[in-house]
């Protein structure tokens, strides 16, 4: 059960197993299909819709021909360099 408060706010009730049901209107508006990311943000939570196919969303986002291993080594070197700066 939920109570619409107007604007973008609603009060939702947890069921006996602690589950929360997002109202259909909210799911449709935010295009929530199957998965969300729930983030504990101190005294409240954030629910962020996740795409049903995250790889499809990333398609074309990275323009590189470097192999994964090389990219990983570069990232590790960069992280080590940053850690050295912090230690100094």
PDB file of N, CA and C in Angstrom:
ATOM      1  N   UNK A   1       0.843  -1.174   0.000  1.00  0.00           N
ATOM      2  CA  UNK A   1       0.000   0.000   0.000  1.00  0.00           C
ATOM      3  C   UNK A   1       0.890   1.240   0.000  1.00  0.00           C
ATOM      4  N   UNK A   2       0.444   2.271  -0.693  1.00  0.00           N
ATOM      5  CA  UNK A   2       1.197   3.516  -0.675  1.00  0.00           C
ATOM      6  C   UNK A   2       0.250   4.695  -0.688  1.00  0.00           C
ATOM      7  N   UNK A   3       0.786   5.825  -0.239  1.00  0.00           N
ATOM      8  CA  UNK A   3       0.016   7.062  -0.171  1.00  0.00           C
ATOM      9  C   UNK A   3       0.738   8.111  -0.997  1.00  0.00           C
ATOM     10  N   UNK A   4       0.061   8.647  -1.976  1.00  0.00           N
ATOM     11  CA  UNK A   4       0.635   9.680  -2.836  1.00  0.00           C
ATOM     12  C   UNK A   4       0.551  11.016  -2.118  1.00  0.00           C
ATOM     13  N   UNK A   5       1.682  11.708  -1.994  1.00  0.00           N
ATOM     14  CA  UNK A   5       1.719  12.982  -1.292  1.00  0.00           C
ATOM     15  C   UNK A   5       1.749  14.175  -2.238  1.00  0.00           C
ATOM     16  N   UNK A   6       1.775  13.902  -3.533  1.00  0.00           N
ATOM     17  CA  UNK A   6       1.849  14.981  -4.502  1.00  0.00           C
ATOM     18  C   UNK A   6       3.272  15.199  -4.958  1.00  0.00           C
ATOM     19  N   UNK A   7       3.403  15.814  -6.109  1.00  0.00           N
ATOM     20  CA  UNK A   7       4.748  16.039  -6.649  1.00  0.00           C
ATOM     21  C   UNK A   7       5.435  14.722  -6.927  1.00  0.00           C
ATOM     22  N   UNK A   8       6.599  14.523  -6.340  1.00  0.00           N
ATOM     23  CA  UNK A   8       7.332  13.273  -6.554  1.00  0.00           C
ATOM     24  C   UNK A   8       7.525  12.520  -5.244  1.00  0.00           C
ATOM     25  N   UNK A   9       6.562  12.643  -4.327  1.00  0.00           N
ATOM     26  CA  UNK A   9       6.685  11.971  -3.035  1.00  0.00           C
ATOM     27  C   UNK A   9       5.513  11.042  -2.773  1.00  0.00           C
ATOM     28  N   UNK A  10       5.846   9.891  -2.176  1.00  0.00           N
ATOM     29  CA  UNK A  10       4.849   8.921  -1.746  1.00  0.00           C
ATOM     30  C   UNK A  10       5.333   8.287  -0.457  1.00  0.00           C
ATOM     31  N   UNK A  11       4.410   7.803   0.346  1.00  0.00           N
ATOM     32  CA  UNK A  11       4.756   7.005   1.521  1.00  0.00           C
ATOM     33  C   UNK A  11       4.439   5.560   1.174  1.00  0.00           C
ATOM     34  N   UNK A  12       5.437   4.688   1.303  1.00  0.00           N
ATOM     35  CA  UNK A  12       5.273   3.278   0.976  1.00  0.00           C
ATOM     36  C   UNK A  12       5.353   2.447   2.248  1.00  0.00           C
ATOM     37  N   UNK A  13       4.633   1.334   2.277  1.00  0.00           N
ATOM     38  CA  UNK A  13       4.692   0.424   3.414  1.00  0.00           C
ATOM     39  C   UNK A  13       5.482  -0.812   3.045  1.00  0.00           C
ATOM     40  N   UNK A  14       6.281  -1.293   3.993  1.00  0.00           N
ATOM     41  CA  UNK A  14       6.973  -2.565   3.814  1.00  0.00           C
ATOM     42  C   UNK A  14       5.995  -3.679   4.125  1.00  0.00           C
ATOM     43  N   UNK A  15       6.129  -4.800   3.418  1.00  0.00           N
ATOM     44  CA  UNK A  15       5.271  -5.938   3.739  1.00  0.00           C
ATOM     45  C   UNK A  15       5.864  -6.703   4.924  1.00  0.00           C
ATOM     46  N   UNK A  16       5.242  -7.799   5.305  1.00  0.00           N
ATOM     47  CA  UNK A  16       5.678  -8.549   6.493  1.00  0.00           C
ATOM     48  C   UNK A  16       7.092  -9.121   6.364  1.00  0.00           C
ATOM     49  N   UNK A  17       7.606  -9.221   5.131  1.00  0.00           N
ATOM     50  CA  UNK A  17       8.963  -9.726   4.912  1.00  0.00           C
ATOM     51  C   UNK A  17       9.957  -8.587   4.672  1.00  0.00           C
ATOM     52  N   UNK A  18       9.517  -7.348   4.853  1.00  0.00           N
ATOM     53  CA  UNK A  18      10.405  -6.206   4.692  1.00  0.00           C
ATOM     54  C   UNK A  18      10.585  -5.753   3.255  1.00  0.00           C
ATOM     55  N   UNK A  19       9.734  -6.244   2.355  1.00  0.00           N
ATOM     56  CA  UNK A  19       9.847  -5.865   0.939  1.00  0.00           C
ATOM     57  C   UNK A  19       9.087  -4.574   0.668  1.00  0.00           C
ATOM     58  N   UNK A  20       9.582  -3.867  -0.323  1.00  0.00           N
ATOM     59  CA  UNK A  20       8.991  -2.597  -0.728  1.00  0.00           C
ATOM     60  C   UNK A  20       8.520  -2.745  -2.170  1.00  0.00           C
ATOM     61  N   UNK A  21       7.303  -2.340  -2.450  1.00  0.00           N
ATOM     62  CA  UNK A  21       6.782  -2.386  -3.818  1.00  0.00           C
ATOM     63  C   UNK A  21       6.710  -0.968  -4.349  1.00  0.00           C
ATOM     64  N   UNK A  22       7.414  -0.729  -5.460  1.00  0.00           N
ATOM     65  CA  UNK A  22       7.361   0.590  -6.085  1.00  0.00           C
ATOM     66  C   UNK A  22       6.067   0.702  -6.882  1.00  0.00           C
ATOM     67  N   UNK A  23       5.330   1.776  -6.710  1.00  0.00           N
ATOM     68  CA  UNK A  23       4.079   1.942  -7.457  1.00  0.00           C
ATOM     69  C   UNK A  23       4.313   1.911  -8.968  1.00  0.00           C
ATOM     70  N   UNK A  24       3.330   1.390  -9.677  1.00  0.00           N
ATOM     71  CA  UNK A  24       3.416   1.255 -11.125  1.00  0.00           C
ATOM     72  C   UNK A  24       3.732   2.581 -11.800  1.00  0.00           C
ATOM     73  N   UNK A  25       3.122   3.659 -11.343  1.00  0.00           N
ATOM     74  CA  UNK A  25       3.340   4.966 -11.955  1.00  0.00           C
ATOM     75  C   UNK A  25       4.814   5.380 -11.867  1.00  0.00           C
ATOM     76  N   UNK A  26       5.432   5.104 -10.721  1.00  0.00           N
ATOM     77  CA  UNK A  26       6.847   5.447 -10.537  1.00  0.00           C
ATOM     78  C   UNK A  26       7.715   4.568 -11.432  1.00  0.00           C
ATOM     79  N   UNK A  27       7.423   3.263 -11.467  1.00  0.00           N
ATOM     80  CA  UNK A  27       8.193   2.350 -12.323  1.00  0.00           C
ATOM     81  C   UNK A  27       8.100   2.764 -13.784  1.00  0.00           C
ATOM     82  N   UNK A  28       6.928   3.137 -14.222  1.00  0.00           N
ATOM     83  CA  UNK A  28       6.749   3.542 -15.624  1.00  0.00           C
ATOM     84  C   UNK A  28       7.447   4.870 -15.916  1.00  0.00           C
ATOM     85  N   UNK A  29       7.295   5.838 -15.024  1.00  0.00           N
ATOM     86  CA  UNK A  29       7.915   7.155 -15.223  1.00  0.00           C
ATOM     87  C   UNK A  29       9.428   7.047 -15.303  1.00  0.00           C
ATOM     88  N   UNK A  30      10.036   6.235 -14.419  1.00  0.00           N
ATOM     89  CA  UNK A  30      11.489   6.083 -14.379  1.00  0.00           C
ATOM     90  C   UNK A  30      11.997   4.955 -15.264  1.00  0.00           C
ATOM     91  N   UNK A  31      11.077   4.319 -15.976  1.00  0.00           N
ATOM     92  CA  UNK A  31      11.404   3.205 -16.877  1.00  0.00           C
ATOM     93  C   UNK A  31      12.185   2.099 -16.157  1.00  0.00           C
ATOM     94  N   UNK A  32      11.718   1.756 -14.962  1.00  0.00           N
ATOM     95  CA  UNK A  32      12.332   0.675 -14.183  1.00  0.00           C
ATOM     96  C   UNK A  32      11.795  -0.645 -14.702  1.00  0.00           C
ATOM     97  N   UNK A  33      12.702  -1.513 -15.130  1.00  0.00           N
ATOM     98  CA  UNK A  33      12.297  -2.826 -15.652  1.00  0.00           C
ATOM     99  C   UNK A  33      12.458  -3.896 -14.576  1.00  0.00           C
ATOM    100  N   UNK A  34      13.699  -4.321 -14.324  1.00  0.00           N
ATOM    101  CA  UNK A  34      13.933  -5.422 -13.386  1.00  0.00           C
ATOM    102  C   UNK A  34      14.873  -5.071 -12.246  1.00  0.00           C
ATOM    103  N   UNK A  35      15.868  -4.198 -12.504  1.00  0.00           N
ATOM    104  CA  UNK A  35      16.900  -3.971 -11.496  1.00  0.00           C
ATOM    105  C   UNK A  35      17.033  -2.497 -11.151  1.00  0.00           C
ATOM    106  N   UNK A  36      17.339  -2.264  -9.859  1.00  0.00           N
ATOM    107  CA  UNK A  36      17.655  -0.924  -9.372  1.00  0.00           C
ATOM    108  C   UNK A  36      18.888  -1.031  -8.484  1.00  0.00           C
ATOM    109  N   UNK A  37      19.567   0.061  -8.325  1.00  0.00           N
ATOM    110  CA  UNK A  37      20.681   0.157  -7.397  1.00  0.00           C
ATOM    111  C   UNK A  37      20.155   0.894  -6.178  1.00  0.00           C
ATOM    112  N   UNK A  38      20.293   0.269  -4.999  1.00  0.00           N
ATOM    113  CA  UNK A  38      19.846   0.912  -3.772  1.00  0.00           C
ATOM    114  C   UNK A  38      21.090   1.358  -3.009  1.00  0.00           C
ATOM    115  N   UNK A  39      21.151   2.648  -2.677  1.00  0.00           N
ATOM    116  CA  UNK A  39      22.306   3.226  -2.010  1.00  0.00           C
ATOM    117  C   UNK A  39      21.877   3.775  -0.661  1.00  0.00           C
ATOM    118  N   UNK A  40      22.559   3.328   0.394  1.00  0.00           N
ATOM    119  CA  UNK A  40      22.309   3.886   1.721  1.00  0.00           C
ATOM    120  C   UNK A  40      23.010   5.232   1.786  1.00  0.00           C
ATOM    121  N   UNK A  41      22.250   6.293   2.025  1.00  0.00           N
ATOM    122  CA  UNK A  41      22.799   7.650   2.019  1.00  0.00           C
ATOM    123  C   UNK A  41      22.595   8.293   3.390  1.00  0.00           C
ATOM    124  N   UNK A  42      23.124   7.645   4.407  1.00  0.00           N
ATOM    125  CA  UNK A  42      22.992   8.190   5.757  1.00  0.00           C
ATOM    126  C   UNK A  42      21.618   7.931   6.325  1.00  0.00           C
ATOM    127  N   UNK A  43      20.803   8.969   6.400  1.00  0.00           N
ATOM    128  CA  UNK A  43      19.471   8.834   6.995  1.00  0.00           C
ATOM    129  C   UNK A  43      18.377   8.546   5.975  1.00  0.00           C
ATOM    130  N   UNK A  44      18.762   8.254   4.727  1.00  0.00           N
ATOM    131  CA  UNK A  44      17.776   7.913   3.700  1.00  0.00           C
ATOM    132  C   UNK A  44      18.421   6.991   2.666  1.00  0.00           C
ATOM    133  N   UNK A  45      17.621   6.475   1.764  1.00  0.00           N
ATOM    134  CA  UNK A  45      18.143   5.628   0.700  1.00  0.00           C
ATOM    135  C   UNK A  45      17.853   6.262  -0.651  1.00  0.00           C
ATOM    136  N   UNK A  46      18.683   5.917  -1.627  1.00  0.00           N
ATOM    137  CA  UNK A  46      18.453   6.340  -3.002  1.00  0.00           C
ATOM    138  C   UNK A  46      18.226   5.083  -3.819  1.00  0.00           C
ATOM    139  N   UNK A  47      17.249   5.128  -4.694  1.00  0.00           N
ATOM    140  CA  UNK A  47      16.966   4.014  -5.594  1.00  0.00           C
ATOM    141  C   UNK A  47      17.199   4.522  -7.009  1.00  0.00           C
ATOM    142  N   UNK A  48      18.163   3.897  -7.690  1.00  0.00           N
ATOM    143  CA  UNK A  48      18.563   4.344  -9.013  1.00  0.00           C
ATOM    144  C   UNK A  48      18.243   3.263 -10.028  1.00  0.00           C
ATOM    145  N   UNK A  49      17.426   3.554 -11.035  1.00  0.00           N
ATOM    146  CA  UNK A  49      17.106   2.539 -12.048  1.00  0.00           C
ATOM    147  C   UNK A  49      18.362   2.100 -12.795  1.00  0.00           C
ATOM    148  N   UNK A  50      18.463   0.801 -13.054  1.00  0.00           N
ATOM    149  CA  UNK A  50      19.564   0.260 -13.850  1.00  0.00           C
ATOM    150  C   UNK A  50      19.020  -0.215 -15.188  1.00  0.00           C
ATOM    151  N   UNK A  51      19.778  -0.046 -16.243  1.00  0.00           N
ATOM    152  CA  UNK A  51      19.312  -0.523 -17.556  1.00  0.00           C
ATOM    153  C   UNK A  51      19.238  -2.041 -17.570  1.00  0.00           C
ATOM    154  N   UNK A  52      18.312  -2.586 -18.332  1.00  0.00           N
ATOM    155  CA  UNK A  52      18.184  -4.044 -18.403  1.00  0.00           C
ATOM    156  C   UNK A  52      19.391  -4.661 -19.081  1.00  0.00           C
ATOM    157  N   UNK A  53      20.049  -3.929 -19.975  1.00  0.00           N
ATOM    158  CA  UNK A  53      21.253  -4.417 -20.637  1.00  0.00           C
ATOM    159  C   UNK A  53      22.339  -3.348 -20.517  1.00  0.00           C
ATOM    160  N   UNK A  54      23.115  -3.377 -19.411  1.00  0.00           N
ATOM    161  CA  UNK A  54      24.105  -2.321 -19.206  1.00  0.00           C
ATOM    162  C   UNK A  54      25.176  -2.265 -20.284  1.00  0.00           C
ATOM    163  N   UNK A  55      25.510  -3.389 -20.882  1.00  0.00           N
ATOM    164  CA  UNK A  55      26.519  -3.382 -21.937  1.00  0.00           C
ATOM    165  C   UNK A  55      26.020  -2.636 -23.172  1.00  0.00           C
ATOM    166  N   UNK A  56      24.743  -2.752 -23.440  1.00  0.00           N
ATOM    167  CA  UNK A  56      24.156  -2.051 -24.582  1.00  0.00           C
ATOM    168  C   UNK A  56      24.249  -0.541 -24.378  1.00  0.00           C
ATOM    169  N   UNK A  57      24.045  -0.089 -23.153  1.00  0.00           N
ATOM    170  CA  UNK A  57      24.135   1.333 -22.834  1.00  0.00           C
ATOM    171  C   UNK A  57      25.555   1.832 -23.049  1.00  0.00           C
ATOM    172  N   UNK A  58      26.540   1.001 -22.735  1.00  0.00           N
ATOM    173  CA  UNK A  58      27.943   1.402 -22.865  1.00  0.00           C
ATOM    174  C   UNK A  58      28.484   1.264 -24.283  1.00  0.00           C
ATOM    175  N   UNK A  59      27.741   0.614 -25.154  1.00  0.00           N
ATOM    176  CA  UNK A  59      28.227   0.381 -26.510  1.00  0.00           C
ATOM    177  C   UNK A  59      28.644   1.698 -27.168  1.00  0.00           C
ATOM    178  N   UNK A  60      29.883   1.744 -27.612  1.00  0.00           N
ATOM    179  CA  UNK A  60      30.401   2.925 -28.280  1.00  0.00           C
ATOM    180  C   UNK A  60      30.907   4.005 -27.341  1.00  0.00           C
ATOM    181  N   UNK A  61      30.796   3.787 -26.026  1.00  0.00           N
ATOM    182  CA  UNK A  61      31.230   4.800 -25.072  1.00  0.00           C
ATOM    183  C   UNK A  61      32.747   4.887 -24.989  1.00  0.00           C
ATOM    184  N   UNK A  62      33.423   3.780 -25.265  1.00  0.00           N
ATOM    185  CA  UNK A  62      34.876   3.753 -25.173  1.00  0.00           C
ATOM    186  C   UNK A  62      35.459   3.570 -26.561  1.00  0.00           C
ATOM    187  N   UNK A  63      36.267   4.505 -26.950  1.00  0.00           N
ATOM    188  CA  UNK A  63      36.894   4.446 -28.272  1.00  0.00           C
ATOM    189  C   UNK A  63      38.363   4.086 -28.085  1.00  0.00           C
ATOM    190  N   UNK A  64      38.649   2.809 -27.942  1.00  0.00           N
ATOM    191  CA  UNK A  64      40.024   2.357 -27.766  1.00  0.00           C
ATOM    192  C   UNK A  64      40.215   1.012 -28.439  1.00  0.00           C
ATOM    193  N   UNK A  65      41.387   0.793 -28.915  1.00  0.00           N
ATOM    194  CA  UNK A  65      41.711  -0.499 -29.520  1.00  0.00           C
ATOM    195  C   UNK A  65      42.679  -1.271 -28.633  1.00  0.00           C
ATOM    196  N   UNK A  66      42.993  -0.696 -27.448  1.00  0.00           N
ATOM    197  CA  UNK A  66      43.908  -1.360 -26.534  1.00  0.00           C
ATOM    198  C   UNK A  66      43.228  -2.579 -25.916  1.00  0.00           C
ATOM    199  N   UNK A  67      44.000  -3.652 -25.732  1.00  0.00           N
ATOM    200  CA  UNK A  67      43.427  -4.826 -25.066  1.00  0.00           C
ATOM    201  C   UNK A  67      43.159  -4.536 -23.585  1.00  0.00           C
ATOM    202  N   UNK A  68      42.252  -5.302 -23.020  1.00  0.00           N
ATOM    203  CA  UNK A  68      41.849  -5.119 -21.624  1.00  0.00           C
ATOM    204  C   UNK A  68      43.048  -5.189 -20.683  1.00  0.00           C
ATOM    205  N   UNK A  69      43.947  -6.152 -20.887  1.00  0.00           N
ATOM    206  CA  UNK A  69      45.103  -6.298 -20.000  1.00  0.00           C
ATOM    207  C   UNK A  69      45.949  -5.035 -19.958  1.00  0.00           C
ATOM    208  N   UNK A  70      46.136  -4.404 -21.109  1.00  0.00           N
ATOM    209  CA  UNK A  70      46.926  -3.175 -21.164  1.00  0.00           C
ATOM    210  C   UNK A  70      46.206  -2.045 -20.426  1.00  0.00           C
ATOM    211  N   UNK A  71      44.903  -1.939 -20.622  1.00  0.00           N
ATOM    212  CA  UNK A  71      44.129  -0.916 -19.921  1.00  0.00           C
ATOM    213  C   UNK A  71      44.195  -1.131 -18.412  1.00  0.00           C
ATOM    214  N   UNK A  72      44.128  -2.397 -17.998  1.00  0.00           N
ATOM    215  CA  UNK A  72      44.187  -2.712 -16.572  1.00  0.00           C
ATOM    216  C   UNK A  72      45.544  -2.324 -15.986  1.00  0.00           C
ATOM    217  N   UNK A  73      46.628  -2.639 -16.692  1.00  0.00           N
ATOM    218  CA  UNK A  73      47.966  -2.285 -16.206  1.00  0.00           C
ATOM    219  C   UNK A  73      48.120  -0.773 -16.091  1.00  0.00           C
ATOM    220  N   UNK A  74      47.606  -0.035 -17.053  1.00  0.00           N
ATOM    221  CA  UNK A  74      47.653   1.426 -16.997  1.00  0.00           C
ATOM    222  C   UNK A  74      46.890   1.940 -15.777  1.00  0.00           C
ATOM    223  N   UNK A  75      45.728   1.359 -15.524  1.00  0.00           N
ATOM    224  CA  UNK A  75      44.921   1.773 -14.367  1.00  0.00           C
ATOM    225  C   UNK A  75      45.661   1.474 -13.065  1.00  0.00           C
ATOM    226  N   UNK A  76      46.323   0.300 -12.991  1.00  0.00           N
ATOM    227  CA  UNK A  76      47.075  -0.052 -11.788  1.00  0.00           C
ATOM    228  C   UNK A  76      48.245   0.907 -11.575  1.00  0.00           C
ATOM    229  N   UNK A  77      48.954   1.234 -12.646  1.00  0.00           N
ATOM    230  CA  UNK A  77      50.078   2.173 -12.540  1.00  0.00           C
ATOM    231  C   UNK A  77      49.586   3.547 -12.077  1.00  0.00           C
ATOM    232  N   UNK A  78      48.480   3.974 -12.618  1.00  0.00           N
ATOM    233  CA  UNK A  78      47.907   5.261 -12.236  1.00  0.00           C
ATOM    234  C   UNK A  78      47.510   5.259 -10.757  1.00  0.00           C
ATOM    235  N   UNK A  79      46.887   4.169 -10.308  1.00  0.00           N
ATOM    236  CA  UNK A  79      46.472   4.063  -8.904  1.00  0.00           C
ATOM    237  C   UNK A  79      47.686   4.067  -7.984  1.00  0.00           C
ATOM    238  N   UNK A  80      48.753   3.345  -8.376  1.00  0.00           N
ATOM    239  CA  UNK A  80      49.974   3.323  -7.571  1.00  0.00           C
ATOM    240  C   UNK A  80      50.598   4.712  -7.500  1.00  0.00           C
ATOM    241  N   UNK A  81      50.605   5.416  -8.610  1.00  0.00           N
ATOM    242  CA  UNK A  81      51.150   6.766  -8.650  1.00  0.00           C
ATOM    243  C   UNK A  81      50.369   7.701  -7.723  1.00  0.00           C
ATOM    244  N   UNK A  82      49.049   7.605  -7.757  1.00  0.00           N
ATOM    245  CA  UNK A  82      48.217   8.428  -6.897  1.00  0.00           C
ATOM    246  C   UNK A  82      48.445   8.088  -5.414  1.00  0.00           C
ATOM    247  N   UNK A  83      48.608   6.789  -5.132  1.00  0.00           N
ATOM    248  CA  UNK A  83      48.842   6.364  -3.743  1.00  0.00           C
ATOM    249  C   UNK A  83      50.180   6.917  -3.244  1.00  0.00           C
ATOM    250  N   UNK A  84      51.189   6.936  -4.103  1.00  0.00           N
ATOM    251  CA  UNK A  84      52.494   7.497  -3.733  1.00  0.00           C
ATOM    252  C   UNK A  84      52.370   8.976  -3.406  1.00  0.00           C
ATOM    253  N   UNK A  85      51.591   9.710  -4.175  1.00  0.00           N
ATOM    254  CA  UNK A  85      51.397  11.147  -3.926  1.00  0.00           C
ATOM    255  C   UNK A  85      50.764  11.364  -2.562  1.00  0.00           C
ATOM    256  N   UNK A  86      49.809  10.513  -2.212  1.00  0.00           N
ATOM    257  CA  UNK A  86      49.117  10.647  -0.934  1.00  0.00           C
ATOM    258  C   UNK A  86      50.067  10.349   0.219  1.00  0.00           C
ATOM    259  N   UNK A  87      50.924   9.343   0.055  1.00  0.00           N
ATOM    260  CA  UNK A  87      51.878   8.956   1.106  1.00  0.00           C
ATOM    261  C   UNK A  87      52.937  10.025   1.327  1.00  0.00           C
ATOM    262  N   UNK A  88      53.279  10.770   0.278  1.00  0.00           N
ATOM    263  CA  UNK A  88      54.365  11.772   0.386  1.00  0.00           C
ATOM    264  C   UNK A  88      53.947  13.010   1.128  1.00  0.00           C
TER     265      UNK A  88
END
